[in-house]
Amino acid sequence: MSGVSRKILLDDTQECVQLLGEHDHTLKVIESSFAIQVVARGNEIILLGDSQKVRKAEAFIDQLRVHLHTNQKKLLDSQQLNRLLSQSKLAPNQVPLENEDHKVDENVILVSSQKKAIVAKNENQRRYVQAIQSHSIVFGIGPAGTGKTYLAMAMAVSALRNAEVDRLILTRPAVEAGEKLGFLPGDLQEKVDPYLRPLYDALYEMVEYEKLQRLFQHHQIEVAPLAYMRGRTLSNAFIILDEAQNTTVEQMKMFLTRMGVGSKVVVTGDVTQVDLPSGKLSGLIHAKDVLRAIAEIQFVFFNSGDVVRHALVQSIIEAYHSLESQDAPPVFEQP
């Protein structure tokens, strides 16, 4: 069979037996459903066939792994397999997890066959994930540590794995956070890489190193400063603008108007940490007022109670907010 070859490494041969079913029933269903060839060797599964079909089959196998792990079932019966397959086709960007009552957990994002599933941990994170699933442009606004960028990145990686988009584009404005870094050696990419490091860090948590390098080499993932977006039309892409509080009004307008057909945009930022020069209006604050009436654009607001980092981070945020509120009202509050 011509096409690409993808290898999935399972935990052990027992998982392979559980996953592929009695007499390889699940293997045969996957082959017929996705029109590919599946070869099992020890604790490896090899997928052969058309690139997009192989990608979708790989994503579906990941869904099956999460299901089996969550429900601790030894084998899937035909009814469960058909239901999971149907759900996968209806909502390929969601990972259907069923409990004993056969309810679907829509808050799990599976980003890699070798990594753990990423789960929305509170109500605002769940609203955020659902908004990204259902809207073309989503703004996630709130303090550090609330998972705005991390969840957006997980959704982007999941969309690429499921062939919903052709590429990921991750960008930030190159603004110094109150520090004068001075001359930086190296070429242009080396000069801007320090500003983009948090985006790289999130990617390396979600995607195996070798696979990530291939994605970079094939230009399926691009990490670049915001200035690189000017003059482009970004189609069939999942685009994330991080640290958007440090965009100017003009930069925000430029970025949002880059969106092409088949693309999804997520904008994240914390309006309490604006590093723009004094007197410059943040493009994120301006966009919130200008765009909120557009139904196709969704705003999700986080607060200190949504912080999922160290518990001390929440106390720090609340302490600063309390001090600032003695002199002036917050920059803006959740409507």
Protein backbone atom coordinates (compact mmCIF):
# COMPACT_ATOMS: atom_id res chain seq x y z
CA MET A 1 0.00 0.00 0.00
CA SER A 2 1.50 3.37 -1.03
CA GLY A 3 1.54 6.43 1.19
CA VAL A 4 3.01 7.26 4.58
CA SER A 5 3.94 5.07 7.51
CA ARG A 6 3.28 6.07 11.15
CA LYS A 7 4.40 4.07 14.19
CA ILE A 8 2.58 4.09 17.54
CA LEU A 9 4.54 2.74 20.50
CA LEU A 10 2.28 1.22 23.16
CA ASP A 11 3.12 0.69 26.83
CA ASP A 12 3.44 -3.11 26.44
CA THR A 13 2.13 -6.06 24.45
CA GLN A 14 -0.82 -6.39 26.84
CA GLU A 15 -2.06 -2.94 25.86
CA CYS A 16 -1.69 -3.95 22.22
CA VAL A 17 -3.91 -7.00 22.81
CA GLN A 18 -6.51 -4.90 24.64
CA LEU A 19 -6.45 -2.21 21.98
CA LEU A 20 -6.71 -4.41 18.90
CA GLY A 21 -9.41 -6.68 20.30
CA GLU A 22 -10.18 -10.38 20.20
CA HIS A 23 -8.98 -11.93 16.91
CA ASP A 24 -7.81 -8.41 15.92
CA HIS A 25 -11.42 -7.28 15.56
CA THR A 26 -10.65 -3.63 16.33
CA LEU A 27 -7.68 -3.67 13.97
CA LYS A 28 -9.93 -4.83 11.13
CA VAL A 29 -12.54 -2.18 11.94
CA ILE A 30 -9.88 0.56 11.89
CA GLU A 31 -8.55 -0.70 8.57
CA SER A 32 -11.98 -0.69 6.92
CA SER A 33 -13.18 2.57 8.52
CA PHE A 34 -10.10 4.63 7.60
CA ALA A 35 -9.09 2.71 4.44
CA ILE A 36 -5.56 2.06 5.66
CA GLN A 37 -3.41 -0.94 6.59
CA VAL A 38 -2.67 -1.66 10.28
CA VAL A 39 0.25 -3.90 11.29
CA ALA A 40 0.80 -5.00 14.91
CA ARG A 41 4.30 -6.04 16.02
CA GLY A 42 4.84 -6.64 19.72
CA ASN A 43 4.04 -3.35 21.44
CA GLU A 44 4.10 -1.38 18.18
CA ILE A 45 1.29 -0.51 15.80
CA ILE A 46 2.24 0.62 12.30
CA LEU A 47 -0.25 2.54 10.16
CA LEU A 48 0.21 2.56 6.37
CA GLY A 49 -1.75 4.55 3.82
CA ASP A 50 -2.82 8.00 2.69
CA SER A 51 -1.36 10.75 4.89
CA GLN A 52 -4.64 12.29 6.08
CA LYS A 53 -6.30 8.91 6.61
CA VAL A 54 -3.34 7.68 8.63
CA ARG A 55 -3.44 10.82 10.77
CA LYS A 56 -7.11 10.37 11.51
CA ALA A 57 -6.64 6.70 12.32
CA GLU A 58 -3.76 7.56 14.65
CA ALA A 59 -5.94 10.10 16.45
CA PHE A 60 -8.73 7.53 16.77
CA ILE A 61 -6.33 4.95 18.23
CA ASP A 62 -5.26 7.54 20.79
CA GLN A 63 -8.93 8.00 21.69
CA LEU A 64 -9.30 4.27 22.18
CA ARG A 65 -6.24 4.23 24.45
CA VAL A 66 -7.69 6.96 26.65
CA HIS A 67 -11.03 5.13 26.79
CA LEU A 68 -9.44 1.82 27.81
CA HIS A 69 -7.22 3.48 30.40
CA THR A 70 -10.10 5.47 31.91
CA ASN A 71 -12.59 2.62 32.07
CA GLN A 72 -10.08 -0.15 32.85
CA LYS A 73 -11.82 -2.43 30.37
CA LYS A 74 -9.91 -5.35 28.90
CA LEU A 75 -11.63 -5.33 25.53
CA LEU A 76 -14.06 -3.17 23.61
CA ASP A 77 -17.22 -4.82 22.38
CA SER A 78 -18.62 -4.01 18.92
CA GLN A 79 -21.25 -1.61 20.28
CA GLN A 80 -18.72 0.46 22.22
CA LEU A 81 -16.32 0.51 19.30
CA ASN A 82 -18.99 1.67 16.85
CA ARG A 83 -20.13 4.38 19.25
CA LEU A 84 -16.59 5.69 19.73
CA LEU A 85 -15.99 5.57 15.99
CA SER A 86 -19.20 7.48 15.31
CA GLN A 87 -18.34 10.13 17.90
CA SER A 88 -14.86 10.47 16.47
CA LYS A 89 -16.23 11.23 13.00
CA LEU A 90 -18.81 13.68 14.34
CA ALA A 91 -16.36 15.59 16.52
CA PRO A 92 -12.78 14.74 15.53
CA ASN A 93 -11.32 17.54 17.68
CA GLN A 94 -12.79 16.01 20.82
CA VAL A 95 -11.62 12.90 22.61
CA PRO A 96 -14.71 10.91 23.61
CA LEU A 97 -14.27 9.42 27.05
CA GLU A 98 -17.12 7.29 28.32
CA ASN A 99 -17.83 6.33 31.89
CA GLU A 100 -20.08 3.52 33.04
CA ASP A 101 -23.15 5.63 32.25
CA HIS A 102 -21.88 6.13 28.68
CA LYS A 103 -21.60 9.90 29.11
CA VAL A 104 -19.04 11.73 26.99
CA ASP A 105 -16.33 13.84 28.60
CA GLU A 106 -15.69 16.70 26.16
CA ASN A 107 -13.01 18.31 28.31
CA VAL A 108 -10.13 15.98 27.42
CA ILE A 109 -7.63 16.96 24.72
CA LEU A 110 -5.28 14.25 23.47
CA VAL A 111 -2.22 15.77 21.85
CA SER A 112 0.16 12.82 21.40
CA SER A 113 0.25 9.06 21.51
CA GLN A 114 3.22 9.26 23.86
CA LYS A 115 1.90 11.95 26.21
CA LYS A 116 -0.89 12.15 28.74
CA ALA A 117 -4.27 13.59 27.89
CA ILE A 118 -4.74 17.25 28.84
CA VAL A 119 -7.90 17.96 30.81
CA ALA A 120 -9.85 21.18 31.43
CA LYS A 121 -9.69 21.52 35.22
CA ASN A 122 -12.37 24.07 36.09
CA GLU A 123 -15.51 25.68 34.70
CA ASN A 124 -13.80 28.57 32.92
CA GLN A 125 -11.31 26.20 31.31
CA ARG A 126 -14.19 24.03 30.13
CA ARG A 127 -15.96 27.10 28.68
CA TYR A 128 -12.71 28.06 26.99
CA VAL A 129 -12.20 24.63 25.37
CA GLN A 130 -15.82 24.58 24.18
CA ALA A 131 -15.49 28.11 22.79
CA ILE A 132 -12.40 27.13 20.78
CA GLN A 133 -14.25 24.10 19.44
CA SER A 134 -17.24 26.15 18.29
CA HIS A 135 -15.89 29.59 17.29
CA SER A 136 -13.44 30.80 14.66
CA ILE A 137 -11.92 33.49 16.90
CA VAL A 138 -11.62 33.20 20.69
CA PHE A 139 -10.05 35.57 23.20
CA GLY A 140 -8.81 34.09 26.48
CA ILE A 141 -8.19 36.89 28.97
CA GLY A 142 -6.98 36.54 32.55
CA PRO A 143 -4.03 36.29 34.93
CA ALA A 144 -0.96 34.12 34.61
CA GLY A 145 -1.31 30.44 35.40
CA THR A 146 -4.90 29.97 34.31
CA GLY A 147 -4.04 27.73 31.35
CA LYS A 148 -4.99 30.16 28.58
CA THR A 149 -2.02 29.50 26.32
CA TYR A 150 -1.46 25.89 27.35
CA LEU A 151 -5.02 24.80 26.54
CA ALA A 152 -5.00 26.76 23.27
CA MET A 153 -1.75 25.02 22.35
CA ALA A 154 -3.24 21.62 23.20
CA MET A 155 -6.26 22.34 21.01
CA ALA A 156 -3.96 23.44 18.19
CA VAL A 157 -1.79 20.31 18.37
CA SER A 158 -4.93 18.15 18.51
CA ALA A 159 -6.35 19.90 15.43
CA LEU A 160 -3.12 19.29 13.51
CA ARG A 161 -3.02 15.63 14.51
CA ASN A 162 -6.62 15.17 13.41
CA ALA A 163 -5.93 16.86 10.04
CA GLU A 164 -8.42 19.65 10.76
CA VAL A 165 -5.74 22.19 9.83
CA ASP A 166 -2.57 22.01 7.74
CA ARG A 167 -0.31 23.94 10.09
CA LEU A 168 0.07 25.71 13.44
CA ILE A 169 1.23 29.31 13.66
CA LEU A 170 2.26 30.53 17.12
CA THR A 171 3.19 34.16 17.61
CA ARG A 172 3.96 36.78 20.25
CA PRO A 173 4.85 40.47 20.19
CA ALA A 174 8.56 40.93 20.93
CA VAL A 175 8.19 43.32 23.86
CA GLU A 176 10.59 43.38 26.80
CA ALA A 177 8.91 42.74 30.16
CA GLY A 178 10.23 45.83 31.92
CA GLU A 179 13.86 44.92 31.26
CA LYS A 180 16.42 46.33 28.87
CA LEU A 181 18.11 43.29 27.39
CA GLY A 182 20.46 45.28 25.19
CA PHE A 183 22.34 43.79 22.25
CA LEU A 184 21.61 40.14 21.56
CA PRO A 185 24.11 38.18 19.42
CA GLY A 186 23.17 35.95 16.51
CA ASP A 187 20.93 36.15 13.48
CA LEU A 188 17.39 37.52 13.48
CA GLN A 189 15.79 34.22 14.55
CA GLU A 190 18.26 33.86 17.42
CA LYS A 191 17.49 37.40 18.56
CA VAL A 192 13.73 36.82 18.77
CA ASP A 193 13.82 33.24 20.11
CA PRO A 194 14.04 34.34 23.78
CA TYR A 195 10.68 36.10 23.39
CA LEU A 196 9.14 32.92 21.93
CA ARG A 197 10.65 30.44 24.38
CA PRO A 198 7.41 29.89 26.40
CA LEU A 199 5.68 28.72 23.21
CA TYR A 200 8.49 26.27 22.47
CA ASP A 201 8.34 25.00 26.06
CA ALA A 202 4.64 24.17 25.77
CA LEU A 203 5.18 22.40 22.44
CA TYR A 204 7.95 20.21 23.83
CA GLU A 205 5.64 19.14 26.66
CA MET A 206 3.00 17.97 24.20
CA VAL A 207 4.86 16.50 21.23
CA GLU A 208 7.75 14.04 21.11
CA TYR A 209 11.04 15.72 20.20
CA GLU A 210 11.63 13.80 16.96
CA LYS A 211 8.09 14.33 15.73
CA LEU A 212 8.24 18.02 16.60
CA GLN A 213 11.47 18.46 14.63
CA ARG A 214 9.82 16.88 11.58
CA LEU A 215 6.85 19.22 11.91
CA PHE A 216 9.19 22.22 12.04
CA GLN A 217 11.17 20.94 9.05
CA HIS A 218 8.00 20.50 6.98
CA HIS A 219 6.77 23.96 8.06
CA GLN A 220 3.67 22.48 9.70
CA ILE A 221 4.53 24.39 12.88
CA GLU A 222 5.81 27.95 12.79
CA VAL A 223 6.82 29.96 15.85
CA ALA A 224 7.49 33.58 14.97
CA PRO A 225 7.26 37.13 16.35
CA LEU A 226 4.13 39.10 15.52
CA ALA A 227 5.97 41.36 13.07
CA TYR A 228 6.39 38.34 10.76
CA MET A 229 2.62 38.14 10.27
CA ARG A 230 2.33 41.40 8.33
CA GLY A 231 1.22 41.06 4.71
CA ARG A 232 0.33 37.37 4.98
CA THR A 233 -2.96 35.49 4.51
CA LEU A 234 -3.07 32.50 6.86
CA SER A 235 -5.44 29.82 5.53
CA ASN A 236 -6.16 26.32 6.88
CA ALA A 237 -4.18 27.12 10.00
CA PHE A 238 -4.62 27.17 13.77
CA ILE A 239 -3.15 30.52 14.86
CA ILE A 240 -2.36 31.52 18.45
CA LEU A 241 -1.40 35.04 19.49
CA ASP A 242 0.08 34.93 22.99
CA GLU A 243 0.85 37.87 25.32
CA ALA A 244 -1.65 39.92 23.31
CA GLN A 245 -1.80 42.63 25.98
CA ASN A 246 1.51 43.81 24.52
CA THR A 247 0.13 44.45 21.06
CA THR A 248 -0.75 47.94 19.95
CA VAL A 249 -4.18 48.62 18.46
CA GLU A 250 -2.63 48.65 14.99
CA GLN A 251 -0.84 45.33 15.56
CA MET A 252 -4.01 43.65 16.81
CA LYS A 253 -5.96 44.80 13.77
CA MET A 254 -3.16 43.63 11.49
CA PHE A 255 -3.06 40.21 13.16
CA LEU A 256 -6.82 39.54 13.14
CA THR A 257 -7.10 40.48 9.47
CA ARG A 258 -4.47 37.84 8.51
CA MET A 259 -7.06 35.09 9.05
CA GLY A 260 -7.84 33.11 5.92
CA VAL A 261 -10.33 30.43 4.91
CA GLY A 262 -10.40 27.33 7.10
CA SER A 263 -8.44 28.92 9.95
CA LYS A 264 -9.05 29.26 13.67
CA VAL A 265 -7.58 32.02 15.85
CA VAL A 266 -7.02 32.10 19.61
CA VAL A 267 -5.78 35.28 21.30
CA THR A 268 -4.52 35.13 24.89
CA GLY A 269 -3.37 37.79 27.30
CA ASP A 270 -3.33 39.32 30.78
CA VAL A 271 -4.36 42.97 30.84
CA THR A 272 -2.73 43.49 34.25
CA GLN A 273 0.73 42.87 32.75
CA VAL A 274 0.97 45.35 29.89
CA ASP A 275 4.61 46.16 29.02
CA LEU A 276 3.92 48.74 26.32
CA PRO A 277 5.43 52.23 26.61
CA SER A 278 3.43 54.67 28.70
CA GLY A 279 0.54 56.16 26.77
CA LYS A 280 0.22 53.25 24.33
CA LEU A 281 -3.22 51.59 24.42
CA SER A 282 -3.15 47.80 24.54
CA GLY A 283 -4.64 46.20 21.43
CA LEU A 284 -6.17 43.49 23.62
CA ILE A 285 -8.13 45.97 25.74
CA HIS A 286 -9.22 47.85 22.63
CA ALA A 287 -10.31 44.65 20.85
CA LYS A 288 -12.41 43.60 23.82
CA ASP A 289 -14.46 46.80 23.49
CA VAL A 290 -14.59 46.90 19.69
CA LEU A 291 -15.29 43.25 18.88
CA ARG A 292 -17.51 42.02 21.71
CA ALA A 293 -20.70 42.56 19.73
CA ILE A 294 -19.62 40.17 16.94
CA ALA A 295 -21.39 36.88 17.60
CA GLU A 296 -18.76 34.75 15.85
CA ILE A 297 -16.07 36.00 18.24
CA GLN A 298 -16.06 34.59 21.77
CA PHE A 299 -14.45 36.13 24.86
CA VAL A 300 -13.64 33.92 27.86
CA PHE A 301 -12.50 35.65 31.06
CA PHE A 302 -10.40 33.95 33.73
CA ASN A 303 -9.77 35.12 37.29
CA SER A 304 -7.38 34.30 40.12
CA GLY A 305 -9.61 31.43 41.21
CA ASP A 306 -8.79 29.66 37.93
CA VAL A 307 -5.03 29.56 38.54
CA VAL A 308 -3.74 26.00 38.12
CA ARG A 309 -0.08 26.63 38.91
CA HIS A 310 1.35 26.49 42.44
CA ALA A 311 -1.29 27.53 45.00
CA LEU A 312 0.95 30.42 46.03
CA VAL A 313 0.53 32.02 42.58
CA GLN A 314 -3.17 32.60 43.28
CA SER A 315 -2.35 34.36 46.56
CA ILE A 316 0.24 36.55 44.84
CA ILE A 317 -2.22 37.60 42.12
CA GLU A 318 -4.91 38.41 44.68
CA ALA A 319 -2.46 40.43 46.81
CA TYR A 320 -1.39 42.59 43.85
CA HIS A 321 -4.98 43.03 42.71
CA SER A 322 -6.03 44.13 46.20
CA LEU A 323 -3.25 46.73 46.35
CA GLU A 324 -4.03 48.09 42.88
CA SER A 325 -7.75 48.30 43.58
CA GLN A 326 -7.13 50.68 46.50
CA ASP A 327 -5.95 53.34 44.06
CA ALA A 328 -8.01 52.59 40.95
CA PRO A 329 -10.56 50.12 39.64
CA PRO A 330 -9.27 47.09 37.68
CA VAL A 331 -8.44 47.70 34.04
CA PHE A 332 -11.64 45.88 33.16
CA GLU A 333 -13.73 43.21 34.76
CA GLN A 334 -15.62 40.25 33.42
CA PRO A 335 -18.96 41.51 32.03
